[in-house]
């Protein structure tokens, strides 16, 4: 069975919980909507386009992209700009974890994150 390497974000205070891809697919029974590994298709995933093993540098690139997006929004709309995902805040509360998921899980996760 082929696997796809990805990064998921583990809650620092609750290591059995992971950042959800969006509130729509989060676990509404959990205070922060975090999901469990059983619902990994609903987790916020970082994967490479070439489906190779993501690296810490890939994660840092992801952080930089979000920081630049946040700054563009603040520049355009001011300090009260609405930021859909404040990744800086995410990184304060979650650690990147490298795992592998099945191709089917990857396909399902991709469909969820494209909505």
PDB file of N, CA and C in Angstrom:
ATOM      1  N   UNK A   1       0.846  -1.179   0.000  1.00  0.00           N
ATOM      2  CA  UNK A   1       0.000   0.000   0.000  1.00  0.00           C
ATOM      3  C   UNK A   1       0.893   1.244   0.000  1.00  0.00           C
ATOM      4  N   UNK A   2       0.662   2.122  -0.939  1.00  0.00           N
ATOM      5  CA  UNK A   2       1.442   3.357  -1.020  1.00  0.00           C
ATOM      6  C   UNK A   2       1.032   4.325   0.072  1.00  0.00           C
ATOM      7  N   UNK A   3       2.006   5.038   0.583  1.00  0.00           N
ATOM      8  CA  UNK A   3       1.764   6.029   1.636  1.00  0.00           C
ATOM      9  C   UNK A   3       2.209   7.397   1.154  1.00  0.00           C
ATOM     10  N   UNK A   4       1.590   8.424   1.717  1.00  0.00           N
ATOM     11  CA  UNK A   4       1.939   9.804   1.406  1.00  0.00           C
ATOM     12  C   UNK A   4       2.454  10.438   2.694  1.00  0.00           C
ATOM     13  N   UNK A   5       3.684  10.943   2.688  1.00  0.00           N
ATOM     14  CA  UNK A   5       4.201  11.609   3.886  1.00  0.00           C
ATOM     15  C   UNK A   5       3.626  13.024   3.987  1.00  0.00           C
ATOM     16  N   UNK A   6       3.218  13.387   5.187  1.00  0.00           N
ATOM     17  CA  UNK A   6       2.625  14.702   5.438  1.00  0.00           C
ATOM     18  C   UNK A   6       3.075  15.211   6.802  1.00  0.00           C
ATOM     19  N   UNK A   7       2.799  16.465   7.029  1.00  0.00           N
ATOM     20  CA  UNK A   7       2.973  17.062   8.345  1.00  0.00           C
ATOM     21  C   UNK A   7       1.581  17.367   8.882  1.00  0.00           C
ATOM     22  N   UNK A   8       1.339  16.983  10.141  1.00  0.00           N
ATOM     23  CA  UNK A   8       0.139  17.410  10.843  1.00  0.00           C
ATOM     24  C   UNK A   8       0.589  18.191  12.064  1.00  0.00           C
ATOM     25  N   UNK A   9      -0.326  18.928  12.664  1.00  0.00           N
ATOM     26  CA  UNK A   9       0.038  19.807  13.779  1.00  0.00           C
ATOM     27  C   UNK A   9      -0.593  19.295  15.070  1.00  0.00           C
ATOM     28  N   UNK A  10       0.274  18.819  15.978  1.00  0.00           N
ATOM     29  CA  UNK A  10      -0.170  18.216  17.236  1.00  0.00           C
ATOM     30  C   UNK A  10      -0.290  19.284  18.326  1.00  0.00           C
ATOM     31  N   UNK A  11      -1.390  19.227  19.033  1.00  0.00           N
ATOM     32  CA  UNK A  11      -1.645  20.125  20.148  1.00  0.00           C
ATOM     33  C   UNK A  11      -0.589  19.890  21.230  1.00  0.00           C
ATOM     34  N   UNK A  12       0.082  20.949  21.671  1.00  0.00           N
ATOM     35  CA  UNK A  12       1.141  20.830  22.665  1.00  0.00           C
ATOM     36  C   UNK A  12       0.615  20.394  24.029  1.00  0.00           C
ATOM     37  N   UNK A  13      -0.621  20.760  24.353  1.00  0.00           N
ATOM     38  CA  UNK A  13      -1.190  20.418  25.657  1.00  0.00           C
ATOM     39  C   UNK A  13      -1.936  19.088  25.650  1.00  0.00           C
ATOM     40  N   UNK A  14      -2.426  18.708  24.484  1.00  0.00           N
ATOM     41  CA  UNK A  14      -3.170  17.446  24.340  1.00  0.00           C
ATOM     42  C   UNK A  14      -2.574  16.685  23.159  1.00  0.00           C
ATOM     43  N   UNK A  15      -1.527  15.905  23.389  1.00  0.00           N
ATOM     44  CA  UNK A  15      -0.787  15.286  22.289  1.00  0.00           C
ATOM     45  C   UNK A  15      -1.560  14.258  21.472  1.00  0.00           C
ATOM     46  N   UNK A  16      -2.772  13.918  21.887  1.00  0.00           N
ATOM     47  CA  UNK A  16      -3.582  13.012  21.078  1.00  0.00           C
ATOM     48  C   UNK A  16      -4.565  13.789  20.190  1.00  0.00           C
ATOM     49  N   UNK A  17      -4.387  15.111  20.128  1.00  0.00           N
ATOM     50  CA  UNK A  17      -5.257  15.979  19.329  1.00  0.00           C
ATOM     51  C   UNK A  17      -4.445  16.756  18.315  1.00  0.00           C
ATOM     52  N   UNK A  18      -5.088  17.029  17.154  1.00  0.00           N
ATOM     53  CA  UNK A  18      -4.413  17.674  16.031  1.00  0.00           C
ATOM     54  C   UNK A  18      -5.297  18.790  15.479  1.00  0.00           C
ATOM     55  N   UNK A  19      -4.663  19.830  14.973  1.00  0.00           N
ATOM     56  CA  UNK A  19      -5.380  20.963  14.398  1.00  0.00           C
ATOM     57  C   UNK A  19      -6.275  20.496  13.261  1.00  0.00           C
ATOM     58  N   UNK A  20      -7.527  20.915  13.276  1.00  0.00           N
ATOM     59  CA  UNK A  20      -8.471  20.574  12.209  1.00  0.00           C
ATOM     60  C   UNK A  20      -8.207  21.439  10.982  1.00  0.00           C
ATOM     61  N   UNK A  21      -8.555  20.910   9.828  1.00  0.00           N
ATOM     62  CA  UNK A  21      -8.384  21.644   8.572  1.00  0.00           C
ATOM     63  C   UNK A  21      -9.244  22.903   8.549  1.00  0.00           C
ATOM     64  N   UNK A  22     -10.401  22.844   9.186  1.00  0.00           N
ATOM     65  CA  UNK A  22     -11.294  23.995   9.271  1.00  0.00           C
ATOM     66  C   UNK A  22     -12.322  23.729  10.365  1.00  0.00           C
ATOM     67  N   UNK A  23     -13.025  24.764  10.809  1.00  0.00           N
ATOM     68  CA  UNK A  23     -14.073  24.536  11.802  1.00  0.00           C
ATOM     69  C   UNK A  23     -15.162  23.585  11.285  1.00  0.00           C
ATOM     70  N   UNK A  24     -15.385  23.591   9.992  1.00  0.00           N
ATOM     71  CA  UNK A  24     -16.424  22.735   9.418  1.00  0.00           C
ATOM     72  C   UNK A  24     -16.175  21.255   9.646  1.00  0.00           C
ATOM     73  N   UNK A  25     -14.907  20.848   9.735  1.00  0.00           N
ATOM     74  CA  UNK A  25     -14.582  19.423   9.891  1.00  0.00           C
ATOM     75  C   UNK A  25     -13.967  19.118  11.251  1.00  0.00           C
ATOM     76  N   UNK A  26     -13.942  20.109  12.135  1.00  0.00           N
ATOM     77  CA  UNK A  26     -13.389  19.897  13.470  1.00  0.00           C
ATOM     78  C   UNK A  26     -14.306  19.051  14.326  1.00  0.00           C
ATOM     79  N   UNK A  27     -13.777  18.579  15.431  1.00  0.00           N
ATOM     80  CA  UNK A  27     -14.537  17.796  16.407  1.00  0.00           C
ATOM     81  C   UNK A  27     -15.248  18.766  17.339  1.00  0.00           C
ATOM     82  N   UNK A  28     -16.539  18.920  17.163  1.00  0.00           N
ATOM     83  CA  UNK A  28     -17.304  19.903  17.923  1.00  0.00           C
ATOM     84  C   UNK A  28     -17.481  19.509  19.386  1.00  0.00           C
ATOM     85  N   UNK A  29     -17.054  18.315  19.747  1.00  0.00           N
ATOM     86  CA  UNK A  29     -17.058  17.908  21.156  1.00  0.00           C
ATOM     87  C   UNK A  29     -15.762  18.320  21.857  1.00  0.00           C
ATOM     88  N   UNK A  30     -14.811  18.872  21.104  1.00  0.00           N
ATOM     89  CA  UNK A  30     -13.529  19.305  21.669  1.00  0.00           C
ATOM     90  C   UNK A  30     -13.502  20.829  21.726  1.00  0.00           C
ATOM     91  N   UNK A  31     -12.975  21.356  22.818  1.00  0.00           N
ATOM     92  CA  UNK A  31     -12.952  22.803  23.048  1.00  0.00           C
ATOM     93  C   UNK A  31     -12.364  23.590  21.886  1.00  0.00           C
ATOM     94  N   UNK A  32     -11.275  23.084  21.271  1.00  0.00           N
ATOM     95  CA  UNK A  32     -10.596  23.800  20.197  1.00  0.00           C
ATOM     96  C   UNK A  32     -10.899  23.199  18.827  1.00  0.00           C
ATOM     97  N   UNK A  33     -11.850  22.260  18.782  1.00  0.00           N
ATOM     98  CA  UNK A  33     -12.259  21.568  17.547  1.00  0.00           C
ATOM     99  C   UNK A  33     -11.168  20.639  17.011  1.00  0.00           C
ATOM    100  N   UNK A  34     -10.138  20.390  17.798  1.00  0.00           N
ATOM    101  CA  UNK A  34      -9.062  19.496  17.358  1.00  0.00           C
ATOM    102  C   UNK A  34      -9.604  18.091  17.101  1.00  0.00           C
ATOM    103  N   UNK A  35      -8.980  17.419  16.154  1.00  0.00           N
ATOM    104  CA  UNK A  35      -9.390  16.063  15.784  1.00  0.00           C
ATOM    105  C   UNK A  35      -8.388  15.046  16.322  1.00  0.00           C
ATOM    106  N   UNK A  36      -8.781  13.792  16.310  1.00  0.00           N
ATOM    107  CA  UNK A  36      -7.886  12.715  16.716  1.00  0.00           C
ATOM    108  C   UNK A  36      -7.243  12.123  15.462  1.00  0.00           C
ATOM    109  N   UNK A  37      -6.269  11.254  15.660  1.00  0.00           N
ATOM    110  CA  UNK A  37      -5.577  10.628  14.534  1.00  0.00           C
ATOM    111  C   UNK A  37      -6.545   9.770  13.709  1.00  0.00           C
ATOM    112  N   UNK A  38      -7.599   9.272  14.348  1.00  0.00           N
ATOM    113  CA  UNK A  38      -8.598   8.486  13.604  1.00  0.00           C
ATOM    114  C   UNK A  38      -9.297   9.337  12.538  1.00  0.00           C
ATOM    115  N   UNK A  39      -9.326  10.640  12.756  1.00  0.00           N
ATOM    116  CA  UNK A  39      -9.931  11.569  11.793  1.00  0.00           C
ATOM    117  C   UNK A  39      -8.870  12.386  11.073  1.00  0.00           C
ATOM    118  N   UNK A  40      -7.755  11.744  10.765  1.00  0.00           N
ATOM    119  CA  UNK A  40      -6.615  12.454  10.170  1.00  0.00           C
ATOM    120  C   UNK A  40      -7.001  13.137   8.850  1.00  0.00           C
ATOM    121  N   UNK A  41      -7.985  12.637   8.143  1.00  0.00           N
ATOM    122  CA  UNK A  41      -8.396  13.289   6.893  1.00  0.00           C
ATOM    123  C   UNK A  41      -8.998  14.667   7.154  1.00  0.00           C
ATOM    124  N   UNK A  42      -9.415  14.919   8.390  1.00  0.00           N
ATOM    125  CA  UNK A  42      -9.970  16.220   8.760  1.00  0.00           C
ATOM    126  C   UNK A  42      -8.922  17.138   9.393  1.00  0.00           C
ATOM    127  N   UNK A  43      -7.700  16.649   9.536  1.00  0.00           N
ATOM    128  CA  UNK A  43      -6.626  17.447  10.138  1.00  0.00           C
ATOM    129  C   UNK A  43      -6.028  18.400   9.107  1.00  0.00           C
ATOM    130  N   UNK A  44      -5.432  19.460   9.610  1.00  0.00           N
ATOM    131  CA  UNK A  44      -4.693  20.397   8.769  1.00  0.00           C
ATOM    132  C   UNK A  44      -3.416  19.688   8.336  1.00  0.00           C
ATOM    133  N   UNK A  45      -3.278  19.435   7.053  1.00  0.00           N
ATOM    134  CA  UNK A  45      -2.139  18.697   6.518  1.00  0.00           C
ATOM    135  C   UNK A  45      -1.249  19.607   5.684  1.00  0.00           C
ATOM    136  N   UNK A  46       0.037  19.362   5.773  1.00  0.00           N
ATOM    137  CA  UNK A  46       0.994  20.023   4.893  1.00  0.00           C
ATOM    138  C   UNK A  46       1.685  18.915   4.111  1.00  0.00           C
ATOM    139  N   UNK A  47       1.567  18.984   2.797  1.00  0.00           N
ATOM    140  CA  UNK A  47       2.185  17.975   1.935  1.00  0.00           C
ATOM    141  C   UNK A  47       2.905  18.684   0.797  1.00  0.00           C
ATOM    142  N   UNK A  48       3.873  18.002   0.249  1.00  0.00           N
ATOM    143  CA  UNK A  48       4.588  18.537  -0.916  1.00  0.00           C
ATOM    144  C   UNK A  48       3.828  18.164  -2.189  1.00  0.00           C
ATOM    145  N   UNK A  49       3.886  19.019  -3.189  1.00  0.00           N
ATOM    146  CA  UNK A  49       3.228  18.733  -4.465  1.00  0.00           C
ATOM    147  C   UNK A  49       3.784  17.486  -5.131  1.00  0.00           C
ATOM    148  N   UNK A  50       5.079  17.217  -4.913  1.00  0.00           N
ATOM    149  CA  UNK A  50       5.689  16.026  -5.516  1.00  0.00           C
ATOM    150  C   UNK A  50       5.487  14.779  -4.651  1.00  0.00           C
ATOM    151  N   UNK A  51       4.741  14.932  -3.547  1.00  0.00           N
ATOM    152  CA  UNK A  51       4.408  13.852  -2.613  1.00  0.00           C
ATOM    153  C   UNK A  51       5.627  13.208  -1.958  1.00  0.00           C
ATOM    154  N   UNK A  52       6.751  13.928  -1.954  1.00  0.00           N
ATOM    155  CA  UNK A  52       7.936  13.465  -1.249  1.00  0.00           C
ATOM    156  C   UNK A  52       7.823  13.859   0.228  1.00  0.00           C
ATOM    157  N   UNK A  53       8.717  13.328   1.029  1.00  0.00           N
ATOM    158  CA  UNK A  53       8.725  13.616   2.464  1.00  0.00           C
ATOM    159  C   UNK A  53       8.890  15.116   2.702  1.00  0.00           C
ATOM    160  N   UNK A  54       7.909  15.750   3.376  1.00  0.00           N
ATOM    161  CA  UNK A  54       8.103  17.158   3.721  1.00  0.00           C
ATOM    162  C   UNK A  54       9.245  17.291   4.729  1.00  0.00           C
ATOM    163  N   UNK A  55       9.893  18.418   4.698  1.00  0.00           N
ATOM    164  CA  UNK A  55      11.020  18.671   5.594  1.00  0.00           C
ATOM    165  C   UNK A  55      10.665  19.806   6.542  1.00  0.00           C
ATOM    166  N   UNK A  56      11.511  20.005   7.517  1.00  0.00           N
ATOM    167  CA  UNK A  56      11.328  21.135   8.415  1.00  0.00           C
ATOM    168  C   UNK A  56      11.405  22.446   7.632  1.00  0.00           C
ATOM    169  N   UNK A  57      12.224  22.474   6.594  1.00  0.00           N
ATOM    170  CA  UNK A  57      12.299  23.666   5.735  1.00  0.00           C
ATOM    171  C   UNK A  57      10.960  23.918   5.032  1.00  0.00           C
ATOM    172  N   UNK A  58      10.290  22.852   4.593  1.00  0.00           N
ATOM    173  CA  UNK A  58       8.955  23.014   3.989  1.00  0.00           C
ATOM    174  C   UNK A  58       7.993  23.632   5.000  1.00  0.00           C
ATOM    175  N   UNK A  59       8.064  23.157   6.238  1.00  0.00           N
ATOM    176  CA  UNK A  59       7.212  23.711   7.289  1.00  0.00           C
ATOM    177  C   UNK A  59       7.531  25.182   7.511  1.00  0.00           C
ATOM    178  N   UNK A  60       8.806  25.520   7.555  1.00  0.00           N
ATOM    179  CA  UNK A  60       9.206  26.913   7.750  1.00  0.00           C
ATOM    180  C   UNK A  60       8.772  27.782   6.574  1.00  0.00           C
ATOM    181  N   UNK A  61       8.810  27.256   5.351  1.00  0.00           N
ATOM    182  CA  UNK A  61       8.300  27.982   4.180  1.00  0.00           C
ATOM    183  C   UNK A  61       6.805  28.250   4.352  1.00  0.00           C
ATOM    184  N   UNK A  62       6.103  27.260   4.869  1.00  0.00           N
ATOM    185  CA  UNK A  62       4.664  27.396   5.126  1.00  0.00           C
ATOM    186  C   UNK A  62       4.422  28.518   6.147  1.00  0.00           C
ATOM    187  N   UNK A  63       5.234  28.549   7.196  1.00  0.00           N
ATOM    188  CA  UNK A  63       5.138  29.618   8.193  1.00  0.00           C
ATOM    189  C   UNK A  63       5.375  30.989   7.554  1.00  0.00           C
ATOM    190  N   UNK A  64       6.409  31.079   6.725  1.00  0.00           N
ATOM    191  CA  UNK A  64       6.735  32.364   6.078  1.00  0.00           C
ATOM    192  C   UNK A  64       5.607  32.817   5.152  1.00  0.00           C
ATOM    193  N   UNK A  65       5.008  31.870   4.417  1.00  0.00           N
ATOM    194  CA  UNK A  65       3.912  32.220   3.522  1.00  0.00           C
ATOM    195  C   UNK A  65       2.757  32.807   4.322  1.00  0.00           C
ATOM    196  N   UNK A  66       2.405  32.147   5.427  1.00  0.00           N
ATOM    197  CA  UNK A  66       1.304  32.643   6.264  1.00  0.00           C
ATOM    198  C   UNK A  66       1.638  34.000   6.876  1.00  0.00           C
ATOM    199  N   UNK A  67       2.874  34.193   7.305  1.00  0.00           N
ATOM    200  CA  UNK A  67       3.276  35.476   7.879  1.00  0.00           C
ATOM    201  C   UNK A  67       3.166  36.587   6.832  1.00  0.00           C
ATOM    202  N   UNK A  68       3.586  36.302   5.598  1.00  0.00           N
ATOM    203  CA  UNK A  68       3.495  37.291   4.520  1.00  0.00           C
ATOM    204  C   UNK A  68       2.036  37.599   4.195  1.00  0.00           C
ATOM    205  N   UNK A  69       1.200  36.575   4.183  1.00  0.00           N
ATOM    206  CA  UNK A  69      -0.233  36.772   3.923  1.00  0.00           C
ATOM    207  C   UNK A  69      -0.850  37.645   5.018  1.00  0.00           C
ATOM    208  N   UNK A  70      -0.522  37.342   6.256  1.00  0.00           N
ATOM    209  CA  UNK A  70      -1.046  38.126   7.382  1.00  0.00           C
ATOM    210  C   UNK A  70      -0.615  39.592   7.240  1.00  0.00           C
ATOM    211  N   UNK A  71       0.645  39.810   6.887  1.00  0.00           N
ATOM    212  CA  UNK A  71       1.129  41.179   6.746  1.00  0.00           C
ATOM    213  C   UNK A  71       0.430  41.904   5.593  1.00  0.00           C
ATOM    214  N   UNK A  72       0.211  41.197   4.470  1.00  0.00           N
ATOM    215  CA  UNK A  72      -0.512  41.814   3.350  1.00  0.00           C
ATOM    216  C   UNK A  72      -1.917  42.224   3.772  1.00  0.00           C
ATOM    217  N   UNK A  73      -2.589  41.374   4.541  1.00  0.00           N
ATOM    218  CA  UNK A  73      -3.942  41.691   5.005  1.00  0.00           C
ATOM    219  C   UNK A  73      -3.929  42.903   5.938  1.00  0.00           C
ATOM    220  N   UNK A  74      -2.951  42.966   6.831  1.00  0.00           N
ATOM    221  CA  UNK A  74      -2.845  44.105   7.746  1.00  0.00           C
ATOM    222  C   UNK A  74      -2.520  45.371   6.970  1.00  0.00           C
ATOM    223  N   UNK A  75      -1.624  45.277   5.998  1.00  0.00           N
ATOM    224  CA  UNK A  75      -1.282  46.443   5.177  1.00  0.00           C
ATOM    225  C   UNK A  75      -2.501  46.960   4.426  1.00  0.00           C
ATOM    226  N   UNK A  76      -3.320  46.053   3.950  1.00  0.00           N
ATOM    227  CA  UNK A  76      -4.475  46.446   3.136  1.00  0.00           C
ATOM    228  C   UNK A  76      -5.668  46.897   3.981  1.00  0.00           C
ATOM    229  N   UNK A  77      -5.904  46.195   5.122  1.00  0.00           N
ATOM    230  CA  UNK A  77      -7.125  46.446   5.892  1.00  0.00           C
ATOM    231  C   UNK A  77      -6.886  46.985   7.294  1.00  0.00           C
ATOM    232  N   UNK A  78      -5.633  47.142   7.679  1.00  0.00           N
ATOM    233  CA  UNK A  78      -5.332  47.679   9.001  1.00  0.00           C
ATOM    234  C   UNK A  78      -5.188  46.592  10.058  1.00  0.00           C
ATOM    235  N   UNK A  79      -4.947  47.056  11.274  1.00  0.00           N
ATOM    236  CA  UNK A  79      -4.679  46.144  12.383  1.00  0.00           C
ATOM    237  C   UNK A  79      -5.866  45.251  12.738  1.00  0.00           C
ATOM    238  N   UNK A  80      -7.045  45.620  12.319  1.00  0.00           N
ATOM    239  CA  UNK A  80      -8.231  44.814  12.606  1.00  0.00           C
ATOM    240  C   UNK A  80      -8.602  43.892  11.450  1.00  0.00           C
ATOM    241  N   UNK A  81      -7.667  43.655  10.555  1.00  0.00           N
ATOM    242  CA  UNK A  81      -7.926  42.772   9.417  1.00  0.00           C
ATOM    243  C   UNK A  81      -8.312  41.378   9.915  1.00  0.00           C
ATOM    244  N   UNK A  82      -9.219  40.756   9.216  1.00  0.00           N
ATOM    245  CA  UNK A  82      -9.629  39.396   9.561  1.00  0.00           C
ATOM    246  C   UNK A  82      -8.661  38.425   8.893  1.00  0.00           C
ATOM    247  N   UNK A  83      -8.018  37.634   9.728  1.00  0.00           N
ATOM    248  CA  UNK A  83      -7.068  36.632   9.249  1.00  0.00           C
ATOM    249  C   UNK A  83      -7.730  35.271   9.475  1.00  0.00           C
ATOM    250  N   UNK A  84      -8.000  34.549   8.397  1.00  0.00           N
ATOM    251  CA  UNK A  84      -8.690  33.266   8.520  1.00  0.00           C
ATOM    252  C   UNK A  84      -7.957  32.280   9.401  1.00  0.00           C
ATOM    253  N   UNK A  85      -6.663  32.190   9.256  1.00  0.00           N
ATOM    254  CA  UNK A  85      -5.852  31.291  10.073  1.00  0.00           C
ATOM    255  C   UNK A  85      -4.595  32.048  10.468  1.00  0.00           C
ATOM    256  N   UNK A  86      -4.500  32.390  11.741  1.00  0.00           N
ATOM    257  CA  UNK A  86      -3.305  33.063  12.240  1.00  0.00           C
ATOM    258  C   UNK A  86      -2.282  31.979  12.564  1.00  0.00           C
ATOM    259  N   UNK A  87      -1.462  31.658  11.582  1.00  0.00           N
ATOM    260  CA  UNK A  87      -0.529  30.540  11.714  1.00  0.00           C
ATOM    261  C   UNK A  87       0.520  30.791  12.786  1.00  0.00           C
ATOM    262  N   UNK A  88       0.815  32.046  13.056  1.00  0.00           N
ATOM    263  CA  UNK A  88       1.735  32.375  14.140  1.00  0.00           C
ATOM    264  C   UNK A  88       1.169  31.864  15.467  1.00  0.00           C
ATOM    265  N   UNK A  89      -0.114  32.108  15.670  1.00  0.00           N
ATOM    266  CA  UNK A  89      -0.783  31.608  16.871  1.00  0.00           C
ATOM    267  C   UNK A  89      -0.857  30.087  16.886  1.00  0.00           C
ATOM    268  N   UNK A  90      -1.077  29.508  15.726  1.00  0.00           N
ATOM    269  CA  UNK A  90      -1.103  28.050  15.626  1.00  0.00           C
ATOM    270  C   UNK A  90       0.228  27.472  16.101  1.00  0.00           C
ATOM    271  N   UNK A  91       1.316  28.046  15.638  1.00  0.00           N
ATOM    272  CA  UNK A  91       2.646  27.518  15.964  1.00  0.00           C
ATOM    273  C   UNK A  91       2.988  27.678  17.447  1.00  0.00           C
ATOM    274  N   UNK A  92       2.315  28.592  18.123  1.00  0.00           N
ATOM    275  CA  UNK A  92       2.522  28.728  19.565  1.00  0.00           C
ATOM    276  C   UNK A  92       1.886  27.564  20.326  1.00  0.00           C
ATOM    277  N   UNK A  93       0.868  26.950  19.736  1.00  0.00           N
ATOM    278  CA  UNK A  93       0.098  25.922  20.430  1.00  0.00           C
ATOM    279  C   UNK A  93       0.205  24.524  19.839  1.00  0.00           C
ATOM    280  N   UNK A  94       0.850  24.407  18.677  1.00  0.00           N
ATOM    281  CA  UNK A  94       0.935  23.110  17.992  1.00  0.00           C
ATOM    282  C   UNK A  94       2.359  22.876  17.504  1.00  0.00           C
ATOM    283  N   UNK A  95       2.757  21.609  17.506  1.00  0.00           N
ATOM    284  CA  UNK A  95       4.054  21.197  16.983  1.00  0.00           C
ATOM    285  C   UNK A  95       3.863  20.412  15.690  1.00  0.00           C
ATOM    286  N   UNK A  96       4.750  20.598  14.714  1.00  0.00           N
ATOM    287  CA  UNK A  96       4.660  19.788  13.491  1.00  0.00           C
ATOM    288  C   UNK A  96       5.063  18.345  13.787  1.00  0.00           C
ATOM    289  N   UNK A  97       4.312  17.420  13.203  1.00  0.00           N
ATOM    290  CA  UNK A  97       4.581  15.993  13.354  1.00  0.00           C
ATOM    291  C   UNK A  97       4.596  15.388  11.957  1.00  0.00           C
ATOM    292  N   UNK A  98       5.599  14.588  11.681  1.00  0.00           N
ATOM    293  CA  UNK A  98       5.735  13.942  10.385  1.00  0.00           C
ATOM    294  C   UNK A  98       5.110  12.556  10.466  1.00  0.00           C
ATOM    295  N   UNK A  99       4.118  12.303   9.602  1.00  0.00           N
ATOM    296  CA  UNK A  99       3.465  10.994   9.564  1.00  0.00           C
ATOM    297  C   UNK A  99       3.266  10.586   8.105  1.00  0.00           C
ATOM    298  N   UNK A 100       2.779   9.375   7.914  1.00  0.00           N
ATOM    299  CA  UNK A 100       2.378   8.909   6.591  1.00  0.00           C
ATOM    300  C   UNK A 100       0.910   8.541   6.648  1.00  0.00           C
ATOM    301  N   UNK A 101       0.188   8.872   5.574  1.00  0.00           N
ATOM    302  CA  UNK A 101      -1.209   8.486   5.447  1.00  0.00           C
ATOM    303  C   UNK A 101      -1.364   7.706   4.142  1.00  0.00           C
ATOM    304  N   UNK A 102      -2.467   7.000   4.019  1.00  0.00           N
ATOM    305  CA  UNK A 102      -2.695   6.238   2.796  1.00  0.00           C
ATOM    306  C   UNK A 102      -3.069   7.179   1.662  1.00  0.00           C
ATOM    307  N   UNK A 103      -2.946   6.682   0.447  1.00  0.00           N
ATOM    308  CA  UNK A 103      -3.356   7.474  -0.717  1.00  0.00           C
ATOM    309  C   UNK A 103      -4.833   7.850  -0.625  1.00  0.00           C
ATOM    310  N   UNK A 104      -5.659   6.928  -0.141  1.00  0.00           N
ATOM    311  CA  UNK A 104      -7.088   7.199   0.008  1.00  0.00           C
ATOM    312  C   UNK A 104      -7.314   8.308   1.043  1.00  0.00           C
ATOM    313  N   UNK A 105      -6.623   8.244   2.167  1.00  0.00           N
ATOM    314  CA  UNK A 105      -6.742   9.307   3.170  1.00  0.00           C
ATOM    315  C   UNK A 105      -6.288  10.647   2.595  1.00  0.00           C
ATOM    316  N   UNK A 106      -5.217  10.627   1.822  1.00  0.00           N
ATOM    317  CA  UNK A 106      -4.718  11.856   1.197  1.00  0.00           C
ATOM    318  C   UNK A 106      -5.765  12.434   0.239  1.00  0.00           C
ATOM    319  N   UNK A 107      -6.376  11.577  -0.560  1.00  0.00           N
ATOM    320  CA  UNK A 107      -7.409  12.028  -1.500  1.00  0.00           C
ATOM    321  C   UNK A 107      -8.582  12.650  -0.741  1.00  0.00           C
ATOM    322  N   UNK A 108      -9.019  11.987   0.324  1.00  0.00           N
ATOM    323  CA  UNK A 108     -10.134  12.507   1.123  1.00  0.00           C
ATOM    324  C   UNK A 108      -9.760  13.841   1.770  1.00  0.00           C
ATOM    325  N   UNK A 109      -8.560  13.912   2.327  1.00  0.00           N
ATOM    326  CA  UNK A 109      -8.102  15.146   2.969  1.00  0.00           C
ATOM    327  C   UNK A 109      -8.007  16.279   1.948  1.00  0.00           C
ATOM    328  N   UNK A 110      -7.503  15.979   0.777  1.00  0.00           N
ATOM    329  CA  UNK A 110      -7.384  16.990  -0.274  1.00  0.00           C
ATOM    330  C   UNK A 110      -8.765  17.543  -0.636  1.00  0.00           C
ATOM    331  N   UNK A 111      -9.760  16.656  -0.754  1.00  0.00           N
ATOM    332  CA  UNK A 111     -11.117  17.091  -1.076  1.00  0.00           C
ATOM    333  C   UNK A 111     -11.673  17.974   0.032  1.00  0.00           C
ATOM    334  N   UNK A 112     -11.418  17.605   1.283  1.00  0.00           N
ATOM    335  CA  UNK A 112     -11.898  18.403   2.425  1.00  0.00           C
ATOM    336  C   UNK A 112     -11.257  19.786   2.411  1.00  0.00           C
ATOM    337  N   UNK A 113      -9.958  19.856   2.181  1.00  0.00           N
ATOM    338  CA  UNK A 113      -9.259  21.128   2.244  1.00  0.00           C
ATOM    339  C   UNK A 113      -9.535  22.017   1.037  1.00  0.00           C
ATOM    340  N   UNK A 114     -10.041  21.449  -0.046  1.00  0.00           N
ATOM    341  CA  UNK A 114     -10.368  22.245  -1.224  1.00  0.00           C
ATOM    342  C   UNK A 114     -11.733  22.923  -1.108  1.00  0.00           C
ATOM    343  N   UNK A 115     -12.535  22.544  -0.125  1.00  0.00           N
ATOM    344  CA  UNK A 115     -13.878  23.125   0.017  1.00  0.00           C
ATOM    345  C   UNK A 115     -13.822  24.517   0.557  1.00  0.00           C
TER     346      UNK A 115
END
